[in-house]
Amino acid sequence: TGMTSGQKSFPVVASKFSFAQAGSQGCWISELLPHTATILDRISVVRSMNTEAFNHAPAITFIQTGSQQPGRPSLGAWLSYGLGSEAEELPAFVVMISHGSGNDANQGLLDRLWGSGFLTSSHQGVKLRSGSEPVLYLNDPQGIDRGLRRAMLDRIARLNALQQQQDGDPEIAARIAQYEMAFRMQTSVPELTDFSDETDATFEMYGPDAKRPGSFASHCLMARRMVERGVRFVQLYHRGWDYHGSLPSNIPKQCKDIDQPQTALIKDLEQRVLLEDTIVIWGGEFGRTGYSQGSLQDDYGRDHHGRCFTMWMSG
């Protein structure tokens, strides 16, 4: 790609980290993923992934929507549209974003990656944030009680229904449904995000970050809670894998973020008999080169590589 096009040589460089075989099939796995190595018999590793795009924006748009061009519905939106929702109190499609421990973990993510494209907006992903307000604009303003909110929504729904009769615009019906969902979420979201009913053993399984809001570990635990409650599609983004330099010092941090929590999620879903009708998919928008970018010293990196990379699935 353009990022290494100015390099005079492209030396093939082995990983600084050791690999070993694990599981009954002897799958090769890095020493940086010791917990994941224990569940290799529960996951399917696909080594032959390839993609058309080799820059982030078109590549991640492609893996989320099937097109490099913006404007098409995301996978979660299609599943919401095609399969509906089992959760009456929560959206069909929820998105959570965590910030990696590696340096420069600010890779941009655009809302269109979980957008509904040309489908009605009720199918777009709802972003769940850490902090006191998990979903923006969900809380009632000061002085507005539940009864007043209900009366206001009823009146707005009547006005919207009159407008829909006049215009026939399906987006008006979607907006009415979104208002109603938001009203129900005012009670369901606080219950969802309250981990006080989780056992010490569960927190121990997901690791020390499980109680830290916004972490990948807490999002994995939240994902299990959402699957239990019938949310159709949960998408976790963990930023910080784009190492064109300083890869050896940063990849261990990123792997530590995800290794124990993702292992716990598979085990937790399995022990609750949820893995039988849930699929977990792990991967990114492309791979990295076998040759180094920059210096061969400890700060080397790797460029984008779309022709061969790995993803795994479970369930």
Protein backbone atom coordinates (compact mmCIF):
# COMPACT_ATOMS: atom_id res chain seq x y z
CA THR A 1 0.00 0.00 0.00
CA GLY A 2 1.02 3.63 -0.12
CA MET A 3 2.34 3.55 3.42
CA THR A 4 5.34 1.37 2.60
CA SER A 5 5.68 2.36 -1.06
CA GLY A 6 8.65 4.61 -0.20
CA GLN A 7 10.61 1.85 1.51
CA LYS A 8 13.74 0.69 -0.32
CA SER A 9 13.41 -2.89 0.93
CA PHE A 10 10.67 -5.08 2.33
CA PRO A 11 12.35 -7.54 4.71
CA VAL A 12 10.21 -10.45 5.82
CA VAL A 13 10.25 -10.46 9.62
CA ALA A 14 9.11 -13.24 11.93
CA SER A 15 6.96 -12.36 14.92
CA LYS A 16 8.85 -11.47 18.11
CA PHE A 17 6.36 -13.66 19.96
CA SER A 18 6.32 -17.44 20.03
CA PHE A 19 3.52 -19.62 18.69
CA ALA A 20 2.49 -23.08 19.89
CA GLN A 21 -0.13 -25.65 18.99
CA ALA A 22 -3.15 -26.07 21.25
CA GLY A 23 -6.51 -27.82 21.26
CA SER A 24 -7.27 -31.29 19.92
CA GLN A 25 -6.60 -30.14 16.33
CA GLY A 26 -3.22 -28.56 17.12
CA CYS A 27 -4.21 -25.05 16.05
CA TRP A 28 -1.30 -22.58 16.11
CA ILE A 29 -1.81 -19.64 18.47
CA SER A 30 0.35 -16.83 19.84
CA GLU A 31 1.74 -16.79 23.36
CA LEU A 32 -0.10 -13.45 23.75
CA LEU A 33 -3.47 -15.27 23.88
CA PRO A 34 -3.06 -17.88 26.65
CA HIS A 35 -6.72 -17.82 27.72
CA THR A 36 -8.02 -18.10 24.15
CA ALA A 37 -5.72 -21.10 23.68
CA THR A 38 -7.84 -22.99 26.24
CA ILE A 39 -11.02 -22.73 24.12
CA LEU A 40 -9.64 -23.56 20.67
CA ASP A 41 -11.88 -26.64 20.49
CA ARG A 42 -14.90 -24.35 20.86
CA ILE A 43 -13.93 -21.98 18.04
CA SER A 44 -13.50 -22.20 14.28
CA VAL A 45 -10.42 -20.38 12.95
CA VAL A 46 -10.63 -19.19 9.32
CA ARG A 47 -7.16 -18.46 7.92
CA SER A 48 -8.21 -17.70 4.33
CA MET A 49 -10.02 -14.38 4.69
CA ASN A 50 -9.38 -11.81 1.97
CA THR A 51 -10.81 -8.43 1.05
CA GLU A 52 -10.74 -5.92 -1.80
CA ALA A 53 -9.92 -2.76 0.17
CA PHE A 54 -6.66 -1.97 1.95
CA ASN A 55 -7.43 1.40 3.57
CA HIS A 56 -9.44 1.60 6.76
CA ALA A 57 -12.56 3.54 5.75
CA PRO A 58 -13.51 1.49 2.66
CA ALA A 59 -12.35 -1.79 4.23
CA ILE A 60 -14.33 -1.43 7.44
CA THR A 61 -17.35 -0.17 5.48
CA PHE A 62 -17.01 -3.27 3.26
CA ILE A 63 -16.85 -5.74 6.16
CA GLN A 64 -19.82 -4.08 7.90
CA THR A 65 -22.09 -3.53 4.89
CA GLY A 66 -20.80 -5.60 1.95
CA SER A 67 -19.89 -2.47 0.00
CA GLN A 68 -16.90 -0.13 0.07
CA GLN A 69 -19.25 2.77 -0.72
CA PRO A 70 -21.21 4.28 2.19
CA GLY A 71 -24.99 4.11 2.17
CA ARG A 72 -25.86 0.44 2.49
CA PRO A 73 -27.35 -1.08 5.67
CA SER A 74 -24.96 -2.64 8.18
CA LEU A 75 -25.17 -6.33 9.08
CA GLY A 76 -26.91 -5.60 12.39
CA ALA A 77 -29.51 -3.45 10.62
CA TRP A 78 -30.21 -6.23 8.10
CA LEU A 79 -30.67 -8.76 10.93
CA SER A 80 -33.03 -6.39 12.75
CA TYR A 81 -35.00 -5.91 9.51
CA GLY A 82 -35.02 -9.57 8.50
CA LEU A 83 -35.40 -11.33 11.83
CA GLY A 84 -37.06 -8.72 14.02
CA SER A 85 -36.29 -8.54 17.72
CA GLU A 86 -36.82 -10.87 20.66
CA ALA A 87 -36.28 -8.03 23.14
CA GLU A 88 -39.31 -5.85 23.81
CA GLU A 89 -37.54 -3.52 26.25
CA LEU A 90 -34.21 -3.13 24.40
CA PRO A 91 -33.20 -2.40 20.78
CA ALA A 92 -32.53 -5.27 18.37
CA PHE A 93 -29.04 -3.92 17.59
CA VAL A 94 -26.63 -2.44 20.15
CA VAL A 95 -23.06 -1.16 19.65
CA MET A 96 -20.31 -0.63 22.25
CA ILE A 97 -16.84 0.86 21.67
CA SER A 98 -13.80 0.35 23.92
CA HIS A 99 -10.43 2.10 23.78
CA GLY A 100 -7.37 -0.16 23.61
CA SER A 101 -4.44 -0.01 26.05
CA GLY A 102 -1.90 0.33 23.23
CA ASN A 103 -0.61 3.73 22.18
CA ASP A 104 -2.48 5.60 19.46
CA ALA A 105 -5.69 3.63 19.96
CA ASN A 106 -7.88 6.34 18.43
CA GLN A 107 -8.74 4.74 15.10
CA GLY A 108 -11.82 6.56 13.86
CA LEU A 109 -15.23 4.90 13.83
CA LEU A 110 -18.14 6.47 11.98
CA ASP A 111 -21.79 6.07 12.97
CA ARG A 112 -22.61 4.84 9.47
CA LEU A 113 -20.81 1.58 10.32
CA TRP A 114 -23.87 0.61 12.36
CA GLY A 115 -26.32 2.63 10.26
CA SER A 116 -29.53 1.47 8.60
CA GLY A 117 -28.70 2.79 5.11
CA PHE A 118 -31.86 2.80 3.01
CA LEU A 119 -33.81 0.78 5.62
CA THR A 120 -35.96 2.72 8.09
CA SER A 121 -33.95 4.26 10.92
CA SER A 122 -35.51 1.99 13.56
CA HIS A 123 -33.05 -0.71 12.40
CA GLN A 124 -29.86 1.28 13.05
CA GLY A 125 -27.56 0.32 15.93
CA VAL A 126 -27.98 2.06 19.28
CA LYS A 127 -24.64 3.08 20.78
CA LEU A 128 -24.31 2.24 24.47
CA ARG A 129 -21.79 4.46 26.26
CA SER A 130 -20.04 4.07 29.60
CA GLY A 131 -20.83 6.56 32.33
CA SER A 132 -23.98 7.92 33.95
CA GLU A 133 -25.89 8.31 30.66
CA PRO A 134 -25.46 5.09 28.61
CA VAL A 135 -27.83 6.32 25.87
CA LEU A 136 -27.89 10.03 25.08
CA TYR A 137 -31.15 11.96 25.53
CA LEU A 138 -32.86 9.05 27.28
CA ASN A 139 -33.12 10.69 30.70
CA ASP A 140 -36.12 12.87 31.49
CA PRO A 141 -35.41 16.57 31.94
CA GLN A 142 -35.62 17.88 35.47
CA GLY A 143 -39.24 18.32 36.55
CA ILE A 144 -40.66 15.81 34.03
CA ASP A 145 -42.07 12.71 35.71
CA ARG A 146 -42.97 9.36 34.12
CA GLY A 147 -46.69 10.18 33.80
CA LEU A 148 -46.05 13.50 32.10
CA ARG A 149 -43.58 11.85 29.71
CA ARG A 150 -46.21 9.21 28.85
CA ALA A 151 -48.88 11.84 28.17
CA MET A 152 -46.47 13.85 26.02
CA LEU A 153 -45.51 10.78 23.93
CA ASP A 154 -49.18 9.87 23.45
CA ARG A 155 -49.94 13.35 22.12
CA ILE A 156 -46.87 13.34 19.84
CA ALA A 157 -47.87 9.88 18.54
CA ARG A 158 -51.33 11.20 17.62
CA LEU A 159 -49.82 14.14 15.76
CA ASN A 160 -47.33 11.87 13.98
CA ALA A 161 -50.11 9.44 13.02
CA LEU A 162 -52.09 12.29 11.46
CA GLN A 163 -48.98 13.33 9.52
CA GLN A 164 -48.41 9.77 8.34
CA GLN A 165 -51.99 9.49 7.07
CA GLN A 166 -51.34 12.63 5.07
CA ASP A 167 -47.84 11.80 3.73
CA GLY A 168 -47.59 7.99 3.85
CA ASP A 169 -43.95 8.29 4.92
CA PRO A 170 -42.80 5.02 6.61
CA GLU A 171 -40.10 6.97 8.49
CA ILE A 172 -42.86 8.60 10.58
CA ALA A 173 -43.98 5.17 11.85
CA ALA A 174 -40.33 4.34 12.57
CA ARG A 175 -40.01 7.55 14.59
CA ILE A 176 -43.13 6.70 16.64
CA ALA A 177 -41.68 3.24 17.37
CA GLN A 178 -38.34 4.80 18.38
CA TYR A 179 -40.04 7.12 20.86
CA GLU A 180 -41.84 4.14 22.40
CA MET A 181 -38.63 2.10 22.58
CA ALA A 182 -36.84 5.01 24.26
CA PHE A 183 -39.62 5.19 26.86
CA ARG A 184 -39.22 1.48 27.66
CA MET A 185 -35.42 1.81 27.70
CA GLN A 186 -35.66 4.36 30.50
CA THR A 187 -36.23 1.42 32.84
CA SER A 188 -34.53 -1.44 30.94
CA VAL A 189 -31.13 0.22 30.34
CA PRO A 190 -30.40 1.02 34.03
CA GLU A 191 -31.25 -2.61 34.87
CA LEU A 192 -29.06 -3.90 32.03
CA THR A 193 -26.03 -1.83 33.05
CA ASP A 194 -26.31 -2.65 36.78
CA PHE A 195 -23.86 -5.51 37.43
CA SER A 196 -24.76 -5.86 41.13
CA ASP A 197 -26.51 -9.20 40.48
CA GLU A 198 -23.37 -10.76 38.94
CA THR A 199 -21.38 -13.17 41.12
CA ASP A 200 -17.76 -12.80 42.20
CA ALA A 201 -16.99 -15.93 40.17
CA THR A 202 -18.32 -14.22 37.03
CA PHE A 203 -16.19 -11.13 37.58
CA GLU A 204 -13.18 -13.35 38.23
CA MET A 205 -13.80 -15.20 34.97
CA TYR A 206 -14.00 -12.00 32.88
CA GLY A 207 -10.92 -10.54 34.57
CA PRO A 208 -9.89 -7.47 36.57
CA ASP A 209 -11.27 -4.97 34.04
CA ALA A 210 -14.81 -6.39 34.16
CA LYS A 211 -15.89 -3.84 36.77
CA ARG A 212 -14.34 -0.90 34.89
CA PRO A 213 -16.99 0.83 32.77
CA GLY A 214 -16.02 1.22 29.13
CA SER A 215 -13.50 -1.62 29.09
CA PHE A 216 -13.63 -4.48 26.59
CA ALA A 217 -14.11 -6.85 29.55
CA SER A 218 -17.17 -4.99 30.84
CA HIS A 219 -18.56 -4.88 27.31
CA CYS A 220 -18.17 -8.66 26.95
CA LEU A 221 -20.11 -9.13 30.18
CA MET A 222 -22.70 -6.61 29.00
CA ALA A 223 -22.97 -8.50 25.70
CA ARG A 224 -23.84 -11.69 27.56
CA ARG A 225 -26.49 -9.80 29.56
CA MET A 226 -27.96 -8.44 26.31
CA VAL A 227 -28.03 -11.87 24.65
CA GLU A 228 -29.87 -13.17 27.72
CA ARG A 229 -32.45 -10.41 27.29
CA GLY A 230 -33.05 -11.15 23.61
CA VAL A 231 -30.98 -8.45 21.90
CA ARG A 232 -30.57 -9.75 18.35
CA PHE A 233 -27.16 -8.31 17.41
CA VAL A 234 -24.45 -6.97 19.74
CA GLN A 235 -21.35 -5.40 18.19
CA LEU A 236 -18.20 -4.67 20.19
CA TYR A 237 -15.48 -2.49 18.69
CA HIS A 238 -12.06 -2.44 20.39
CA ARG A 239 -9.84 0.24 18.93
CA GLY A 240 -6.07 0.33 18.69
CA TRP A 241 -4.67 -2.33 16.33
CA ASP A 242 -3.20 -0.13 13.60
CA TYR A 243 0.54 -0.43 14.31
CA HIS A 244 2.69 0.88 11.49
CA GLY A 245 5.40 1.20 14.16
CA SER A 246 6.04 0.20 17.80
CA LEU A 247 4.17 -3.03 17.23
CA PRO A 248 6.16 -5.25 19.66
CA SER A 249 5.45 -2.98 22.62
CA ASN A 250 1.77 -2.37 21.85
CA ILE A 251 0.33 -5.67 20.59
CA PRO A 252 0.83 -7.37 23.99
CA LYS A 253 -1.28 -4.63 25.62
CA GLN A 254 -4.05 -5.01 23.07
CA CYS A 255 -4.06 -8.79 23.40
CA LYS A 256 -4.19 -8.54 27.19
CA ASP A 257 -7.28 -6.32 26.85
CA ILE A 258 -9.20 -8.97 24.92
CA ASP A 259 -7.77 -12.41 25.75
CA GLN A 260 -9.43 -13.22 29.08
CA PRO A 261 -12.76 -11.42 28.43
CA GLN A 262 -13.41 -13.02 25.04
CA THR A 263 -12.60 -16.44 26.50
CA ALA A 264 -14.98 -15.77 29.39
CA LEU A 265 -17.74 -14.70 27.01
CA ILE A 266 -17.59 -18.01 25.13
CA LYS A 267 -17.49 -20.04 28.35
CA ASP A 268 -20.28 -17.97 29.92
CA LEU A 269 -22.57 -18.28 26.91
CA GLU A 270 -21.88 -22.02 26.82
CA GLN A 271 -22.58 -22.65 30.51
CA ARG A 272 -25.88 -20.73 30.21
CA VAL A 273 -26.85 -22.78 27.11
CA LEU A 274 -26.85 -19.59 25.03
CA LEU A 275 -24.04 -20.60 22.65
CA GLU A 276 -26.40 -23.07 20.93
CA ASP A 277 -28.28 -20.26 19.18
CA THR A 278 -25.66 -17.48 19.29
CA ILE A 279 -22.69 -16.98 16.98
CA VAL A 280 -19.65 -14.99 18.10
CA ILE A 281 -17.52 -13.58 15.26
CA TRP A 282 -14.11 -12.01 15.92
CA GLY A 283 -12.00 -10.17 13.38
CA GLY A 284 -10.99 -6.95 11.70
CA GLU A 285 -11.22 -5.35 8.29
CA PHE A 286 -7.92 -6.72 6.94
CA GLY A 287 -4.62 -8.28 8.01
CA ARG A 288 -1.02 -7.07 8.23
CA THR A 289 2.00 -7.77 6.06
CA GLY A 290 4.63 -10.45 6.66
CA TYR A 291 7.32 -7.84 5.96
CA SER A 292 8.20 -5.04 8.33
CA GLN A 293 7.39 -1.39 8.05
CA GLY A 294 10.16 0.94 9.19
CA SER A 295 13.13 -0.11 11.29
CA LEU A 296 13.88 -3.75 12.11
CA GLN A 297 14.53 -2.76 15.71
CA ASP A 298 11.96 -2.97 18.51
CA ASP A 299 9.82 -0.22 16.98
CA TYR A 300 9.01 -1.98 13.70
CA GLY A 301 5.45 -2.08 12.39
CA ARG A 302 3.43 -3.83 9.70
CA ASP A 303 1.38 -2.36 6.87
CA HIS A 304 -2.18 -3.17 5.83
CA HIS A 305 -2.65 -6.44 3.93
CA GLY A 306 -6.00 -7.43 2.49
CA ARG A 307 -5.07 -10.60 0.64
CA CYS A 308 -4.91 -13.01 3.58
CA PHE A 309 -5.99 -12.68 7.19
CA THR A 310 -7.70 -14.58 9.99
CA MET A 311 -11.03 -14.44 11.79
CA TRP A 312 -12.61 -16.82 14.26
CA MET A 313 -16.14 -17.85 15.14
CA SER A 314 -17.85 -19.76 17.90
CA GLY A 315 -21.36 -21.05 18.48
